[in-house]
Amino acid sequence: MFVRIVKLGFDPAKIETFLADFEIQKAKIRAFEGCLFLELYRDKNNTNQFFTYSYWSDEDSLENYRNSELFKDIWANTKIHFNQKPEAWSVDKLVSLE
């Protein structure tokens, strides 16, 4: 299992559109084979910055998602609202405390 973190910066006028689209798509993303967890965060100070955190069972599952029609449709509808280049990291979780 590994974590995928994606940083997204939006045109402030497009944020509500992004949030409405995410609301529609989030269950489909989470239900994609190999996706174990999905969260969306918003920066408290720079409110046009968002982060998705998703847990994937393995790298093949993430690649299958990234090559799927679901991702292609979501990405095509999301990237038109960006005001900066997105950034992404794949990381291994080393410690988690609850």
N, C-alpha and C. Protein backbone atom coordinates (compact mmCIF):
# COMPACT_ATOMS: atom_id res chain seq x y z
N MET A 1 0.85 -1.18 0.00
CA MET A 1 0.00 0.00 0.00
C MET A 1 0.89 1.23 0.00
N PHE A 2 0.45 2.25 -0.75
CA PHE A 2 1.17 3.51 -0.73
C PHE A 2 0.17 4.65 -0.86
N VAL A 3 0.65 5.86 -0.59
CA VAL A 3 -0.20 7.04 -0.57
C VAL A 3 0.14 7.90 -1.78
N ARG A 4 -0.88 8.42 -2.41
CA ARG A 4 -0.71 9.36 -3.52
C ARG A 4 -1.24 10.71 -3.05
N ILE A 5 -0.40 11.73 -3.13
CA ILE A 5 -0.76 13.09 -2.74
C ILE A 5 -0.70 13.95 -3.99
N VAL A 6 -1.76 14.68 -4.25
CA VAL A 6 -1.81 15.56 -5.42
C VAL A 6 -2.21 16.95 -4.95
N LYS A 7 -1.39 17.94 -5.32
CA LYS A 7 -1.65 19.34 -5.00
C LYS A 7 -2.24 20.02 -6.23
N LEU A 8 -3.39 20.67 -6.03
CA LEU A 8 -4.12 21.30 -7.12
C LEU A 8 -4.39 22.76 -6.77
N GLY A 9 -4.06 23.66 -7.67
CA GLY A 9 -4.35 25.08 -7.49
C GLY A 9 -5.36 25.54 -8.51
N PHE A 10 -6.43 26.18 -8.04
CA PHE A 10 -7.54 26.55 -8.91
C PHE A 10 -7.71 28.06 -9.04
N ASP A 11 -8.22 28.45 -10.18
CA ASP A 11 -8.71 29.81 -10.37
C ASP A 11 -9.82 29.98 -9.33
N PRO A 12 -9.74 31.01 -8.48
CA PRO A 12 -10.76 31.17 -7.44
C PRO A 12 -12.20 31.17 -7.96
N ALA A 13 -12.42 31.65 -9.15
CA ALA A 13 -13.77 31.66 -9.72
C ALA A 13 -14.26 30.26 -10.11
N LYS A 14 -13.36 29.29 -10.14
CA LYS A 14 -13.72 27.93 -10.58
C LYS A 14 -13.81 26.92 -9.44
N ILE A 15 -13.57 27.37 -8.21
CA ILE A 15 -13.53 26.44 -7.08
C ILE A 15 -14.87 25.75 -6.85
N GLU A 16 -15.95 26.49 -6.90
CA GLU A 16 -17.26 25.87 -6.67
C GLU A 16 -17.57 24.81 -7.72
N THR A 17 -17.16 25.05 -8.95
CA THR A 17 -17.34 24.06 -10.01
C THR A 17 -16.54 22.81 -9.70
N PHE A 18 -15.27 22.99 -9.30
CA PHE A 18 -14.45 21.85 -8.93
C PHE A 18 -15.08 21.06 -7.79
N LEU A 19 -15.52 21.74 -6.74
CA LEU A 19 -16.10 21.04 -5.58
C LEU A 19 -17.37 20.29 -5.96
N ALA A 20 -18.19 20.87 -6.82
CA ALA A 20 -19.40 20.18 -7.28
C ALA A 20 -19.04 18.94 -8.10
N ASP A 21 -18.04 19.08 -8.96
CA ASP A 21 -17.59 17.93 -9.76
C ASP A 21 -17.01 16.83 -8.87
N PHE A 22 -16.21 17.23 -7.89
CA PHE A 22 -15.61 16.24 -6.98
C PHE A 22 -16.69 15.49 -6.22
N GLU A 23 -17.72 16.19 -5.79
CA GLU A 23 -18.83 15.56 -5.07
C GLU A 23 -19.47 14.46 -5.92
N ILE A 24 -19.60 14.71 -7.21
CA ILE A 24 -20.19 13.73 -8.12
C ILE A 24 -19.26 12.54 -8.36
N GLN A 25 -17.97 12.79 -8.45
CA GLN A 25 -17.00 11.76 -8.86
C GLN A 25 -16.35 10.99 -7.72
N LYS A 26 -16.39 11.52 -6.50
CA LYS A 26 -15.60 10.93 -5.41
C LYS A 26 -15.91 9.46 -5.15
N ALA A 27 -17.16 9.07 -5.19
CA ALA A 27 -17.51 7.67 -4.93
C ALA A 27 -16.98 6.76 -6.04
N LYS A 28 -16.98 7.25 -7.28
CA LYS A 28 -16.45 6.45 -8.38
C LYS A 28 -14.94 6.25 -8.25
N ILE A 29 -14.26 7.31 -7.84
CA ILE A 29 -12.81 7.19 -7.63
C ILE A 29 -12.54 6.19 -6.52
N ARG A 30 -13.22 6.36 -5.40
CA ARG A 30 -13.00 5.47 -4.24
C ARG A 30 -13.34 4.02 -4.57
N ALA A 31 -14.33 3.81 -5.45
CA ALA A 31 -14.74 2.45 -5.81
C ALA A 31 -13.82 1.81 -6.85
N PHE A 32 -12.90 2.60 -7.41
CA PHE A 32 -12.02 2.04 -8.43
C PHE A 32 -11.16 0.95 -7.80
N GLU A 33 -10.98 -0.14 -8.53
CA GLU A 33 -10.23 -1.28 -8.00
C GLU A 33 -8.83 -0.84 -7.57
N GLY A 34 -8.49 -1.13 -6.31
CA GLY A 34 -7.17 -0.80 -5.78
C GLY A 34 -7.14 0.48 -4.97
N CYS A 35 -8.18 1.31 -5.07
CA CYS A 35 -8.24 2.52 -4.25
C CYS A 35 -8.81 2.14 -2.89
N LEU A 36 -8.03 2.37 -1.85
CA LEU A 36 -8.40 1.95 -0.51
C LEU A 36 -8.93 3.09 0.36
N PHE A 37 -8.68 4.33 -0.07
CA PHE A 37 -9.00 5.49 0.78
C PHE A 37 -8.90 6.74 -0.08
N LEU A 38 -9.75 7.73 0.19
CA LEU A 38 -9.70 8.98 -0.57
C LEU A 38 -10.15 10.12 0.32
N GLU A 39 -9.37 11.19 0.34
CA GLU A 39 -9.73 12.41 1.05
C GLU A 39 -9.37 13.63 0.21
N LEU A 40 -10.10 14.71 0.45
CA LEU A 40 -9.82 16.00 -0.18
C LEU A 40 -9.60 17.01 0.94
N TYR A 41 -8.52 17.78 0.82
CA TYR A 41 -8.20 18.82 1.80
C TYR A 41 -8.12 20.17 1.10
N ARG A 42 -8.37 21.22 1.90
CA ARG A 42 -8.26 22.59 1.40
C ARG A 42 -7.35 23.37 2.33
N ASP A 43 -6.40 24.09 1.75
CA ASP A 43 -5.48 24.88 2.55
C ASP A 43 -6.24 25.98 3.30
N LYS A 44 -5.95 26.13 4.58
CA LYS A 44 -6.67 27.11 5.40
C LYS A 44 -6.33 28.56 5.03
N ASN A 45 -5.12 28.81 4.57
CA ASN A 45 -4.69 30.17 4.28
C ASN A 45 -4.78 30.51 2.79
N ASN A 46 -4.43 29.58 1.95
CA ASN A 46 -4.48 29.78 0.51
C ASN A 46 -5.63 28.93 -0.02
N THR A 47 -6.83 29.46 0.05
CA THR A 47 -8.04 28.64 -0.14
C THR A 47 -8.29 28.18 -1.58
N ASN A 48 -7.42 28.58 -2.51
CA ASN A 48 -7.55 28.02 -3.85
C ASN A 48 -6.66 26.79 -4.03
N GLN A 49 -5.97 26.38 -2.96
CA GLN A 49 -5.11 25.19 -2.97
C GLN A 49 -5.85 24.00 -2.36
N PHE A 50 -5.85 22.89 -3.08
CA PHE A 50 -6.47 21.66 -2.60
C PHE A 50 -5.46 20.52 -2.71
N PHE A 51 -5.68 19.49 -1.91
CA PHE A 51 -4.83 18.31 -1.91
C PHE A 51 -5.73 17.08 -1.87
N THR A 52 -5.45 16.13 -2.73
CA THR A 52 -6.11 14.83 -2.59
C THR A 52 -5.10 13.86 -2.00
N TYR A 53 -5.59 13.05 -1.08
CA TYR A 53 -4.81 11.96 -0.49
C TYR A 53 -5.56 10.69 -0.82
N SER A 54 -4.90 9.77 -1.47
CA SER A 54 -5.52 8.49 -1.77
C SER A 54 -4.54 7.38 -1.46
N TYR A 55 -5.07 6.29 -0.95
CA TYR A 55 -4.27 5.10 -0.65
C TYR A 55 -4.56 4.07 -1.74
N TRP A 56 -3.49 3.47 -2.25
CA TRP A 56 -3.61 2.49 -3.32
C TRP A 56 -2.96 1.19 -2.91
N SER A 57 -3.56 0.09 -3.31
CA SER A 57 -3.03 -1.22 -2.92
C SER A 57 -1.67 -1.49 -3.54
N ASP A 58 -1.45 -0.97 -4.77
CA ASP A 58 -0.15 -1.14 -5.43
C ASP A 58 -0.06 -0.15 -6.59
N GLU A 59 1.13 -0.04 -7.14
CA GLU A 59 1.35 0.93 -8.22
C GLU A 59 0.57 0.58 -9.48
N ASP A 60 0.38 -0.70 -9.75
CA ASP A 60 -0.41 -1.09 -10.93
C ASP A 60 -1.85 -0.58 -10.83
N SER A 61 -2.41 -0.61 -9.63
CA SER A 61 -3.78 -0.11 -9.45
C SER A 61 -3.87 1.38 -9.76
N LEU A 62 -2.90 2.14 -9.28
CA LEU A 62 -2.89 3.58 -9.58
C LEU A 62 -2.73 3.80 -11.07
N GLU A 63 -1.83 3.06 -11.70
CA GLU A 63 -1.64 3.23 -13.15
C GLU A 63 -2.88 2.83 -13.93
N ASN A 64 -3.56 1.79 -13.48
CA ASN A 64 -4.82 1.40 -14.14
C ASN A 64 -5.84 2.52 -14.03
N TYR A 65 -5.91 3.15 -12.86
CA TYR A 65 -6.81 4.29 -12.69
C TYR A 65 -6.40 5.45 -13.60
N ARG A 66 -5.13 5.77 -13.61
CA ARG A 66 -4.65 6.90 -14.41
C ARG A 66 -4.86 6.69 -15.92
N ASN A 67 -4.95 5.43 -16.34
CA ASN A 67 -5.19 5.11 -17.74
C ASN A 67 -6.66 4.82 -18.06
N SER A 68 -7.51 4.95 -17.05
CA SER A 68 -8.93 4.62 -17.24
C SER A 68 -9.70 5.78 -17.86
N GLU A 69 -10.84 5.46 -18.44
CA GLU A 69 -11.74 6.49 -18.97
C GLU A 69 -12.25 7.39 -17.84
N LEU A 70 -12.46 6.81 -16.66
CA LEU A 70 -12.90 7.61 -15.52
C LEU A 70 -11.91 8.73 -15.24
N PHE A 71 -10.63 8.39 -15.10
CA PHE A 71 -9.62 9.41 -14.82
C PHE A 71 -9.52 10.41 -15.96
N LYS A 72 -9.51 9.91 -17.20
CA LYS A 72 -9.38 10.82 -18.34
C LYS A 72 -10.51 11.84 -18.37
N ASP A 73 -11.73 11.41 -18.08
CA ASP A 73 -12.87 12.33 -18.04
C ASP A 73 -12.74 13.33 -16.89
N ILE A 74 -12.41 12.81 -15.70
CA ILE A 74 -12.26 13.69 -14.54
C ILE A 74 -11.15 14.70 -14.77
N TRP A 75 -10.01 14.24 -15.25
CA TRP A 75 -8.86 15.13 -15.44
C TRP A 75 -9.16 16.20 -16.51
N ALA A 76 -9.81 15.81 -17.58
CA ALA A 76 -10.14 16.77 -18.63
C ALA A 76 -11.05 17.88 -18.09
N ASN A 77 -11.98 17.52 -17.21
CA ASN A 77 -12.90 18.50 -16.65
C ASN A 77 -12.31 19.29 -15.49
N THR A 78 -11.22 18.79 -14.91
CA THR A 78 -10.60 19.46 -13.76
C THR A 78 -9.49 20.40 -14.19
N LYS A 79 -8.64 19.96 -15.09
CA LYS A 79 -7.45 20.75 -15.42
C LYS A 79 -7.76 22.09 -16.07
N ILE A 80 -8.93 22.23 -16.65
CA ILE A 80 -9.29 23.51 -17.26
C ILE A 80 -9.53 24.60 -16.22
N HIS A 81 -9.62 24.21 -14.95
CA HIS A 81 -9.86 25.17 -13.87
C HIS A 81 -8.58 25.54 -13.10
N PHE A 82 -7.46 24.94 -13.46
CA PHE A 82 -6.21 25.19 -12.73
C PHE A 82 -5.68 26.60 -13.00
N ASN A 83 -5.02 27.16 -11.99
CA ASN A 83 -4.28 28.40 -12.19
C ASN A 83 -2.79 28.19 -11.93
N GLN A 84 -2.41 26.94 -11.74
CA GLN A 84 -1.01 26.56 -11.60
C GLN A 84 -0.86 25.09 -11.96
N LYS A 85 0.37 24.70 -12.22
CA LYS A 85 0.65 23.31 -12.57
C LYS A 85 0.45 22.42 -11.35
N PRO A 86 -0.29 21.32 -11.50
CA PRO A 86 -0.46 20.41 -10.38
C PRO A 86 0.85 19.69 -10.05
N GLU A 87 0.95 19.25 -8.81
CA GLU A 87 2.10 18.48 -8.36
C GLU A 87 1.59 17.19 -7.74
N ALA A 88 2.37 16.12 -7.87
CA ALA A 88 1.95 14.83 -7.32
C ALA A 88 3.14 14.08 -6.76
N TRP A 89 2.86 13.34 -5.67
CA TRP A 89 3.88 12.51 -5.03
C TRP A 89 3.27 11.16 -4.71
N SER A 90 4.05 10.12 -4.88
CA SER A 90 3.70 8.79 -4.39
C SER A 90 4.66 8.50 -3.24
N VAL A 91 4.09 8.21 -2.07
CA VAL A 91 4.90 8.04 -0.87
C VAL A 91 4.49 6.78 -0.14
N ASP A 92 5.43 6.21 0.60
CA ASP A 92 5.14 5.08 1.47
C ASP A 92 4.88 5.60 2.88
N LYS A 93 3.81 5.14 3.48
CA LYS A 93 3.51 5.52 4.86
C LYS A 93 4.42 4.74 5.78
N LEU A 94 5.15 5.45 6.62
CA LEU A 94 6.08 4.80 7.54
C LEU A 94 5.49 4.66 8.94
N VAL A 95 4.76 5.67 9.38
CA VAL A 95 4.21 5.65 10.73
C VAL A 95 2.83 6.30 10.69
N SER A 96 1.91 5.74 11.44
CA SER A 96 0.58 6.33 11.58
C SER A 96 0.12 6.11 13.01
N LEU A 97 -0.26 7.18 13.68
CA LEU A 97 -0.75 7.09 15.06
C LEU A 97 -2.19 7.60 15.12
N GLU A 98 -3.01 6.96 15.91
CA GLU A 98 -4.39 7.41 16.08
C GLU A 98 -4.70 7.56 17.54
